[in-house]
Protein backbone atom coordinates (compact mmCIF):
# COMPACT_ATOMS: atom_id res chain seq x y z
CA MET A 1 0.00 0.00 0.00
CA GLN A 2 1.52 3.34 -1.04
CA ARG A 3 0.51 6.95 -0.57
CA ALA A 4 1.98 10.31 -1.66
CA LEU A 5 3.52 12.25 1.25
CA PRO A 6 4.75 15.88 1.48
CA SER A 7 8.37 16.74 2.16
CA SER A 8 9.27 15.55 5.65
CA THR A 9 11.12 12.95 7.66
CA VAL A 10 8.97 9.92 8.42
CA ARG A 11 9.43 6.43 9.77
CA ASN A 12 8.32 3.25 8.11
CA PRO A 13 6.74 0.33 10.05
CA ASP A 14 10.24 -0.89 11.01
CA GLU A 15 11.00 2.48 12.62
CA GLU A 16 13.74 3.36 10.12
CA PRO A 17 13.95 7.11 9.40
CA VAL A 18 13.46 8.33 5.85
CA SER A 19 14.73 11.80 4.86
CA HIS A 20 13.23 13.78 2.00
CA ALA A 21 14.01 17.20 0.52
CA ARG A 22 11.73 20.20 1.02
CA GLN A 23 9.04 20.95 -1.58
CA LYS A 24 9.34 17.45 -3.03
CA SER A 25 6.98 14.49 -2.96
CA ALA A 26 7.45 10.74 -3.09
CA LEU A 27 5.62 7.47 -2.80
CA LEU A 28 6.58 5.70 0.41
CA PRO A 29 5.37 2.31 1.61
CA ILE A 30 3.12 2.59 4.66
CA VAL A 31 2.67 -1.16 5.11
CA ALA A 32 5.04 -3.60 3.43
CA LYS A 33 3.94 -6.90 4.91
CA ASP A 34 2.02 -9.92 3.67
CA VAL A 35 -1.54 -10.40 4.89
CA GLU A 36 -3.32 -13.73 5.22
CA SER A 37 -5.96 -14.52 2.59
CA ARG A 38 -7.93 -17.49 1.28
CA ARG A 39 -9.60 -17.79 -2.11
CA VAL A 40 -13.34 -18.49 -2.06
CA SER A 41 -16.38 -18.17 -4.29
CA ILE A 42 -19.30 -16.26 -2.77
CA TYR A 43 -22.88 -17.01 -3.79
CA ASN A 44 -25.69 -14.62 -2.91
CA GLU A 45 -28.93 -15.12 -4.81
CA ARG A 46 -29.82 -11.43 -4.51
CA THR A 47 -26.46 -10.41 -6.03
CA HIS A 48 -26.55 -12.89 -8.94
CA ALA A 49 -29.13 -15.68 -9.22
CA LYS A 50 -26.89 -18.00 -11.29
CA PHE A 51 -23.19 -17.38 -10.69
CA PRO A 52 -21.15 -16.77 -7.52
CA LEU A 53 -18.46 -14.14 -7.26
CA LEU A 54 -14.75 -14.83 -6.98
CA GLY A 55 -13.48 -13.50 -3.70
CA LEU A 56 -10.95 -13.52 -0.92
CA GLN A 57 -11.29 -14.04 2.79
CA VAL A 58 -8.72 -11.54 4.05
CA LYS A 59 -7.28 -11.40 7.57
CA ASN A 60 -5.22 -8.39 8.58
CA THR A 61 -2.07 -10.07 9.91
CA SER A 62 0.11 -6.99 9.24
CA GLY A 63 -0.13 -5.72 12.81
CA ALA A 64 -1.19 -2.28 11.53
CA HIS A 65 -4.53 -0.62 10.87
CA LEU A 66 -5.39 -0.81 7.16
CA MET A 67 -7.56 1.99 5.87
CA GLN A 68 -10.36 1.40 3.38
CA GLY A 69 -9.66 1.76 -0.31
CA PRO A 70 -9.27 0.01 -3.67
CA VAL A 71 -7.53 -3.36 -3.96
CA THR A 72 -6.10 -5.01 -7.07
CA VAL A 73 -6.14 -8.82 -7.06
CA PHE A 74 -3.64 -10.93 -8.99
CA GLU A 75 -3.90 -14.68 -9.51
CA GLY A 76 -0.23 -15.48 -9.68
CA SER A 77 1.08 -12.96 -12.20
CA VAL A 78 -2.30 -12.59 -13.95
CA TYR A 79 -4.67 -9.72 -13.23
CA GLY A 80 -7.78 -11.04 -11.49
CA GLY A 81 -9.90 -7.98 -10.83
CA ASP A 82 -10.46 -4.97 -8.62
CA ALA A 83 -12.25 -4.72 -5.31
CA LYS A 84 -12.83 -2.27 -2.49
CA ILE A 85 -12.02 -3.13 1.09
CA ALA A 86 -13.31 -1.48 4.26
CA ASP A 87 -11.17 -0.48 7.25
CA LEU A 88 -9.37 -3.43 8.82
CA GLN A 89 -8.18 -3.52 12.39
CA PRO A 90 -5.29 -5.87 13.26
CA ASN A 91 -6.44 -9.53 13.12
CA GLU A 92 -9.84 -8.51 11.73
CA GLU A 93 -11.26 -10.54 8.82
CA ARG A 94 -13.11 -9.27 5.76
CA LEU A 95 -14.73 -10.85 2.73
CA ILE A 96 -14.15 -9.14 -0.63
CA SER A 97 -15.24 -10.02 -4.18
CA TYR A 98 -13.55 -9.00 -7.40
CA ALA A 99 -15.01 -10.94 -10.38
CA VAL A 100 -17.77 -13.33 -11.49
CA ASP A 101 -17.01 -17.05 -11.18
CA LEU A 102 -18.36 -18.22 -14.55
CA GLY A 103 -17.01 -21.73 -13.97
CA THR A 104 -19.41 -22.39 -11.09
CA GLU A 105 -23.18 -22.38 -11.41
CA VAL A 106 -25.73 -22.41 -8.59
CA ASP A 107 -29.45 -23.21 -8.81
CA ALA A 108 -31.57 -22.29 -5.77
CA LYS A 109 -34.98 -23.98 -5.44
CA PRO A 110 -37.49 -23.17 -2.64
CA SER A 111 -40.03 -25.58 -1.15
CA SER A 112 -42.34 -25.57 1.87
CA ASP A 113 -44.85 -27.75 3.70
CA ASP A 114 -48.49 -26.94 4.51
CA GLY A 115 -47.64 -26.18 8.10
CA ARG A 116 -48.73 -27.67 11.41
CA ILE A 117 -51.10 -25.91 13.83
CA THR A 118 -49.38 -25.67 17.20
CA ALA A 119 -51.81 -23.44 19.14
CA ILE A 120 -55.40 -22.19 18.87
CA LYS A 121 -56.93 -19.30 20.81
CA ALA A 122 -60.42 -17.79 20.68
CA VAL A 123 -60.84 -14.22 21.92
CA LYS A 124 -63.99 -12.05 21.53
CA GLY A 125 -65.36 -13.94 18.54
CA VAL A 126 -62.01 -14.27 16.76
CA ILE A 127 -60.01 -17.50 16.29
CA HIS A 128 -56.22 -17.08 16.48
CA PRO A 129 -54.45 -20.19 15.12
CA THR A 130 -50.64 -20.41 15.18
CA THR A 131 -49.10 -22.54 12.44
CA LYS A 132 -45.49 -23.73 12.33
CA VAL A 133 -44.23 -23.86 8.73
CA ARG A 134 -41.02 -25.35 7.36
CA GLU A 135 -39.35 -23.79 4.34
CA THR A 136 -36.37 -25.34 2.57
CA ARG A 137 -34.10 -23.80 -0.04
CA THR A 138 -31.93 -26.31 -1.88
CA TYR A 139 -28.76 -24.99 -3.51
CA THR A 140 -27.39 -27.16 -6.32
CA VAL A 141 -23.75 -26.29 -7.05
CA ALA A 142 -22.20 -27.36 -10.38
CA ASN A 143 -18.42 -26.88 -10.51
CA ARG A 144 -17.22 -26.85 -14.13
CA ASN A 145 -13.74 -25.68 -13.18
CA ASP A 146 -10.70 -27.95 -13.40
CA ALA A 147 -9.99 -27.46 -9.69
CA GLU A 148 -11.89 -27.71 -6.42
CA ARG A 149 -13.92 -24.68 -5.40
CA SER A 150 -14.50 -23.47 -1.86
CA LEU A 151 -17.94 -21.89 -1.96
CA LEU A 152 -19.64 -19.72 0.64
CA ILE A 153 -23.43 -19.69 0.29
CA GLU A 154 -24.98 -16.53 1.74
CA HIS A 155 -28.49 -17.37 2.93
CA PRO A 156 -30.66 -14.44 4.14
CA VAL A 157 -31.38 -14.01 7.85
CA ARG A 158 -35.10 -13.56 8.52
CA SER A 159 -36.23 -12.31 11.91
CA ASP A 160 -39.40 -14.46 11.91
CA TYR A 161 -37.64 -17.72 10.96
CA GLU A 162 -35.03 -19.89 12.67
CA LEU A 163 -32.66 -22.44 11.19
CA ALA A 164 -33.95 -25.97 11.65
CA ASP A 165 -30.94 -27.88 10.33
CA ALA A 166 -28.66 -29.71 12.71
CA ASP A 167 -25.60 -28.30 10.92
CA LYS A 168 -24.87 -24.72 11.86
CA PRO A 169 -23.66 -22.00 9.49
CA THR A 170 -19.94 -21.42 9.14
CA GLU A 171 -20.52 -17.84 10.23
CA THR A 172 -23.37 -15.41 10.75
CA ALA A 173 -23.34 -11.79 9.60
CA ALA A 174 -25.94 -9.11 10.30
CA ASP A 175 -28.09 -10.04 7.29
CA VAL A 176 -26.87 -13.45 6.06
CA TYR A 177 -25.85 -16.91 7.22
CA ARG A 178 -22.78 -18.28 5.44
CA PHE A 179 -22.50 -22.00 4.72
CA ALA A 180 -19.23 -23.47 3.40
CA VAL A 181 -19.52 -26.00 0.57
CA LYS A 182 -16.63 -27.84 -1.10
CA GLY A 183 -17.20 -28.44 -4.82
CA SER A 184 -14.96 -31.02 -6.50
CA ALA A 185 -13.84 -30.33 -10.06
CA GLY A 186 -16.48 -31.36 -12.59
CA LYS A 187 -18.91 -32.46 -9.87
CA THR A 188 -22.33 -31.35 -8.64
CA LYS A 189 -23.22 -30.96 -4.97
CA THR A 190 -26.37 -29.91 -3.13
CA LYS A 191 -26.90 -28.05 0.12
CA ALA A 192 -30.39 -27.87 1.67
CA ILE A 193 -31.11 -25.18 4.27
CA THR A 194 -34.34 -25.55 6.25
CA GLU A 195 -36.00 -22.91 8.41
CA GLU A 196 -39.03 -22.94 10.70
CA GLY A 197 -41.33 -20.01 11.32
CA LEU A 198 -44.62 -19.29 13.09
CA LEU A 199 -47.56 -17.97 11.07
CA ASN A 200 -50.27 -16.19 13.09
CA GLN A 201 -53.77 -15.70 11.67
CA SER A 202 -57.01 -14.05 12.79
CA ILE A 203 -60.33 -15.55 11.67
CA THR A 204 -63.67 -14.00 12.66
CA ILE A 205 -66.13 -16.71 13.72
CA ALA A 206 -69.10 -14.82 12.28
CA ASP A 207 -67.45 -14.76 8.84
CA THR A 208 -66.46 -18.44 8.68
CA ASN A 209 -68.53 -21.58 8.12
CA ASP A 210 -69.06 -24.56 10.39
CA ASP A 211 -66.74 -26.80 8.36
CA LYS A 212 -63.83 -24.45 9.11
CA ILE A 213 -64.71 -24.41 12.81
CA ARG A 214 -64.91 -28.22 12.82
CA PHE A 215 -61.46 -28.23 11.20
CA PHE A 216 -60.04 -26.38 14.22
CA LEU A 217 -62.00 -28.62 16.60
CA SER A 218 -60.25 -31.68 15.11
CA LYS A 219 -56.74 -30.40 15.85
CA THR A 220 -54.78 -31.85 18.77
CA ALA A 221 -53.41 -28.40 19.63
CA ILE A 222 -56.84 -27.14 20.74
CA THR A 223 -57.51 -26.91 24.49
CA PHE A 224 -60.75 -28.00 26.19
CA GLY A 225 -61.64 -24.40 26.97
CA VAL A 226 -61.29 -23.24 23.35
CA MET A 227 -63.13 -26.36 22.14
CA ALA A 228 -66.07 -25.60 24.43
CA ALA A 229 -66.13 -21.95 23.28
CA LEU A 230 -66.21 -22.90 19.59
CA GLU A 231 -68.93 -25.52 20.13
CA GLN A 232 -70.97 -22.93 22.00
CA ALA A 233 -70.46 -20.43 19.17
CA MET A 234 -71.78 -22.96 16.65
CA ALA A 235 -74.79 -23.70 18.86
CA LEU A 236 -75.61 -20.00 19.26
CA ARG A 237 -75.32 -19.49 15.52
CA TRP A 238 -78.02 -22.07 14.82
CA ALA A 239 -80.26 -21.16 17.79
CA PRO A 240 -82.41 -18.56 15.92
CA GLN A 241 -83.10 -20.98 13.06
CA LYS A 242 -83.96 -23.72 15.54
CA ASP A 243 -86.45 -21.43 17.27
CA GLN A 244 -88.05 -20.52 13.94
CA ARG A 245 -88.48 -24.20 13.05
CA GLU A 246 -90.14 -24.91 16.39
CA VAL A 247 -92.51 -21.95 15.95
CA GLY A 248 -93.42 -23.26 12.48
CA ARG A 249 -94.43 -26.64 13.89
CA GLN A 250 -96.93 -25.08 16.33
């Protein structure tokens, strides 16, 4: 990393003085140390639905604070791309991307079940069922490269859902879970991520039919108190018609 400095005497990271003439400028190295990095591909469906991005997992092992700015990435002696990195404190890690990984293709497919009612309440003529739903997104990764790919799948964090899988994410950011997937050269691999969430509904008894009420009465999640209240509501609904039939028989 280099930066233009005015005429002065400065010290480099090794505390060696550097003298420079007045009214002159020069490029002086501020940090001249290697930093730890690991090559990865980063897939985020919202960024690109089909291809991941080539990236680096960078750890600041220089011992100095690295300010934000542009970064040029080389793969060996070949230009790889440009990226921008945020401020890095010593030993802090950052994920950067610099190009599209056209050799890896990802297909994300959602699926969900019909849900399972876990609780039923009835308050002031309104039924409040709570349904637990399971949603799964299956990521199919096809690696057409001639070498293994280390892929990080970024799956969105949703406040009303929790991960249901036994395997935990590799890391969790503010808005995404990251799952590491190894893709062998020329092979296809899948990663399924399942989440569970609670769906709350409000159904007015006066606006629903008896078949719907009987549906709730058949659920194991209903309590005896709510069952009695719904049966009473059905009886009260038919009471006027029953009275009219009895009057008609007289």
